[in-house]
Amino acid sequence: MEELLQLEDEIVKMLKTVYDPEIPVNIYDLGLIYGVDMDDEKNVTITMTLTAPACPAADYIMEDVQMKIEAIEGVKSVAVKIVFEPEWHQGLMSEEAKLELGFL
């Protein structure tokens, strides 16, 4: 159990290194990550959204998430699911992200 929690912490740290090229805040603090699920075999499913359905960087962001999570020792596989329900809004951002983007 502790190993899974440690792995989940590593995943969150890695997600904080992924950026939308158009926004100077990582996708985790932007509130784009809706869920990080892992089974007993350490297959990871990342459920996330985008700031807009027609986001031009969608493929780049998904690929970056996939590659960075797969690089974590112990992770067996990664699936990235993009969802648009619930719709992303600024209220999902962390306080740090709001400050960085001038919303506070």
C-alpha atoms as a PDB file:
ATOM      1  CA  MET A   1       0.000   0.000   0.000  1.00  0.00           C
ATOM      2  CA  GLU A   2       2.777   2.418   0.920  1.00  0.00           C
ATOM      3  CA  GLU A   3       4.522   1.596  -2.357  1.00  0.00           C
ATOM      4  CA  LEU A   4       1.374   2.538  -4.311  1.00  0.00           C
ATOM      5  CA  LEU A   5       1.073   5.846  -2.416  1.00  0.00           C
ATOM      6  CA  GLN A   6       4.718   6.603  -3.125  1.00  0.00           C
ATOM      7  CA  LEU A   7       4.180   5.794  -6.807  1.00  0.00           C
ATOM      8  CA  GLU A   8       1.125   8.059  -6.875  1.00  0.00           C
ATOM      9  CA  ASP A   9       3.230  10.899  -5.394  1.00  0.00           C
ATOM     10  CA  GLU A  10       5.804  10.333  -8.140  1.00  0.00           C
ATOM     11  CA  ILE A  11       3.053  10.488 -10.757  1.00  0.00           C
ATOM     12  CA  VAL A  12       1.756  13.808  -9.385  1.00  0.00           C
ATOM     13  CA  LYS A  13       5.305  15.225  -9.320  1.00  0.00           C
ATOM     14  CA  MET A  14       5.770  14.156 -12.936  1.00  0.00           C
ATOM     15  CA  LEU A  15       2.390  15.622 -13.999  1.00  0.00           C
ATOM     16  CA  LYS A  16       3.581  18.942 -12.565  1.00  0.00           C
ATOM     17  CA  THR A  17       6.346  18.935 -15.212  1.00  0.00           C
ATOM     18  CA  VAL A  18       3.839  18.858 -18.104  1.00  0.00           C
ATOM     19  CA  TYR A  19       2.811  22.225 -19.535  1.00  0.00           C
ATOM     20  CA  ASP A  20       0.383  23.430 -22.138  1.00  0.00           C
ATOM     21  CA  PRO A  21       2.805  25.291 -24.455  1.00  0.00           C
ATOM     22  CA  GLU A  22       0.429  28.277 -24.500  1.00  0.00           C
ATOM     23  CA  ILE A  23       0.067  28.606 -20.705  1.00  0.00           C
ATOM     24  CA  PRO A  24       2.959  29.069 -18.227  1.00  0.00           C
ATOM     25  CA  VAL A  25       1.380  26.781 -15.592  1.00  0.00           C
ATOM     26  CA  ASN A  26       1.599  22.989 -15.346  1.00  0.00           C
ATOM     27  CA  ILE A  27      -1.451  20.887 -16.212  1.00  0.00           C
ATOM     28  CA  TYR A  28      -1.847  19.619 -12.642  1.00  0.00           C
ATOM     29  CA  ASP A  29      -2.109  23.098 -11.124  1.00  0.00           C
ATOM     30  CA  LEU A  30      -4.331  24.195 -14.007  1.00  0.00           C
ATOM     31  CA  GLY A  31      -6.832  21.599 -12.785  1.00  0.00           C
ATOM     32  CA  LEU A  32      -6.719  19.570 -15.997  1.00  0.00           C
ATOM     33  CA  ILE A  33      -6.105  16.280 -14.162  1.00  0.00           C
ATOM     34  CA  TYR A  34      -9.418  14.791 -13.028  1.00  0.00           C
ATOM     35  CA  GLY A  35      -8.074  11.455 -11.844  1.00  0.00           C
ATOM     36  CA  VAL A  36      -5.041   9.235 -11.400  1.00  0.00           C
ATOM     37  CA  ASP A  37      -6.022   5.582 -11.044  1.00  0.00           C
ATOM     38  CA  MET A  38      -3.721   2.635 -10.612  1.00  0.00           C
ATOM     39  CA  ASP A  39      -4.508  -1.056 -10.377  1.00  0.00           C
ATOM     40  CA  ASP A  40      -2.579  -3.673  -8.413  1.00  0.00           C
ATOM     41  CA  GLU A  41      -0.329  -4.377 -11.408  1.00  0.00           C
ATOM     42  CA  LYS A  42       0.605  -0.660 -11.554  1.00  0.00           C
ATOM     43  CA  ASN A  43      -1.246   0.064 -14.781  1.00  0.00           C
ATOM     44  CA  VAL A  44      -2.010   3.775 -14.600  1.00  0.00           C
ATOM     45  CA  THR A  45      -5.007   5.589 -16.067  1.00  0.00           C
ATOM     46  CA  ILE A  46      -4.866   9.374 -16.189  1.00  0.00           C
ATOM     47  CA  THR A  47      -8.254  11.037 -16.699  1.00  0.00           C
ATOM     48  CA  MET A  48      -7.846  14.614 -17.805  1.00  0.00           C
ATOM     49  CA  THR A  49      -9.382  17.411 -19.775  1.00  0.00           C
ATOM     50  CA  LEU A  50      -8.159  20.369 -21.806  1.00  0.00           C
ATOM     51  CA  THR A  51      -8.830  24.067 -21.384  1.00  0.00           C
ATOM     52  CA  ALA A  52     -10.820  23.924 -24.637  1.00  0.00           C
ATOM     53  CA  PRO A  53     -12.078  21.016 -26.791  1.00  0.00           C
ATOM     54  CA  ALA A  54     -10.205  22.372 -29.825  1.00  0.00           C
ATOM     55  CA  CYS A  55      -6.913  22.811 -27.932  1.00  0.00           C
ATOM     56  CA  PRO A  56      -4.190  22.869 -30.624  1.00  0.00           C
ATOM     57  CA  ALA A  57      -1.675  21.327 -28.186  1.00  0.00           C
ATOM     58  CA  ALA A  58      -3.882  18.341 -27.235  1.00  0.00           C
ATOM     59  CA  ASP A  59      -1.720  15.694 -28.944  1.00  0.00           C
ATOM     60  CA  TYR A  60       1.488  17.204 -27.570  1.00  0.00           C
ATOM     61  CA  ILE A  61       0.119  17.313 -24.003  1.00  0.00           C
ATOM     62  CA  MET A  62      -1.240  13.752 -24.131  1.00  0.00           C
ATOM     63  CA  GLU A  63       2.035  12.422 -25.527  1.00  0.00           C
ATOM     64  CA  ASP A  64       4.039  14.309 -22.886  1.00  0.00           C
ATOM     65  CA  VAL A  65       1.855  12.895 -20.082  1.00  0.00           C
ATOM     66  CA  GLN A  66       2.153   9.367 -21.506  1.00  0.00           C
ATOM     67  CA  MET A  67       5.939   9.484 -21.921  1.00  0.00           C
ATOM     68  CA  LYS A  68       6.652  11.054 -18.533  1.00  0.00           C
ATOM     69  CA  ILE A  69       4.423   8.688 -16.556  1.00  0.00           C
ATOM     70  CA  GLU A  70       5.779   5.654 -18.437  1.00  0.00           C
ATOM     71  CA  ALA A  71       9.307   6.788 -17.452  1.00  0.00           C
ATOM     72  CA  ILE A  72       8.523   6.359 -13.737  1.00  0.00           C
ATOM     73  CA  GLU A  73      10.123   3.214 -12.356  1.00  0.00           C
ATOM     74  CA  GLY A  74       7.477   0.696 -11.378  1.00  0.00           C
ATOM     75  CA  VAL A  75       4.739   1.915 -13.725  1.00  0.00           C
ATOM     76  CA  LYS A  76       3.705  -0.951 -16.000  1.00  0.00           C
ATOM     77  CA  SER A  77       1.517   0.906 -18.515  1.00  0.00           C
ATOM     78  CA  VAL A  78      -0.223   4.250 -18.980  1.00  0.00           C
ATOM     79  CA  ALA A  79      -3.567   5.122 -20.539  1.00  0.00           C
ATOM     80  CA  VAL A  80      -4.501   8.781 -20.975  1.00  0.00           C
ATOM     81  CA  LYS A  81      -8.237   9.470 -21.240  1.00  0.00           C
ATOM     82  CA  ILE A  82      -9.437  12.898 -22.371  1.00  0.00           C
ATOM     83  CA  VAL A  83     -12.894  13.877 -21.131  1.00  0.00           C
ATOM     84  CA  PHE A  84     -14.896  17.076 -21.471  1.00  0.00           C
ATOM     85  CA  GLU A  85     -17.432  16.419 -18.711  1.00  0.00           C
ATOM     86  CA  PRO A  86     -17.277  18.140 -16.368  1.00  0.00           C
ATOM     87  CA  GLU A  87     -16.147  21.070 -18.451  1.00  0.00           C
ATOM     88  CA  TRP A  88     -12.919  22.737 -17.292  1.00  0.00           C
ATOM     89  CA  HIS A  89     -13.258  26.170 -15.652  1.00  0.00           C
ATOM     90  CA  GLN A  90     -10.909  28.565 -13.856  1.00  0.00           C
ATOM     91  CA  GLY A  91     -12.216  27.467 -10.455  1.00  0.00           C
ATOM     92  CA  LEU A  92     -10.342  24.160 -10.916  1.00  0.00           C
ATOM     93  CA  MET A  93      -6.965  25.905 -10.863  1.00  0.00           C
ATOM     94  CA  SER A  94      -4.742  25.863  -7.774  1.00  0.00           C
ATOM     95  CA  GLU A  95      -4.177  29.114  -5.908  1.00  0.00           C
ATOM     96  CA  GLU A  96      -0.622  29.172  -7.310  1.00  0.00           C
ATOM     97  CA  ALA A  97      -1.926  28.890 -10.870  1.00  0.00           C
ATOM     98  CA  LYS A  98      -4.467  31.665 -10.324  1.00  0.00           C
ATOM     99  CA  LEU A  99      -1.735  33.894  -8.910  1.00  0.00           C
ATOM    100  CA  GLU A 100       0.656  33.081 -11.772  1.00  0.00           C
ATOM    101  CA  LEU A 101      -1.996  33.885 -14.371  1.00  0.00           C
ATOM    102  CA  GLY A 102      -3.173  37.059 -12.619  1.00  0.00           C
ATOM    103  CA  PHE A 103      -6.587  35.805 -11.464  1.00  0.00           C
ATOM    104  CA  LEU A 104      -5.922  36.733  -7.806  1.00  0.00           C
END
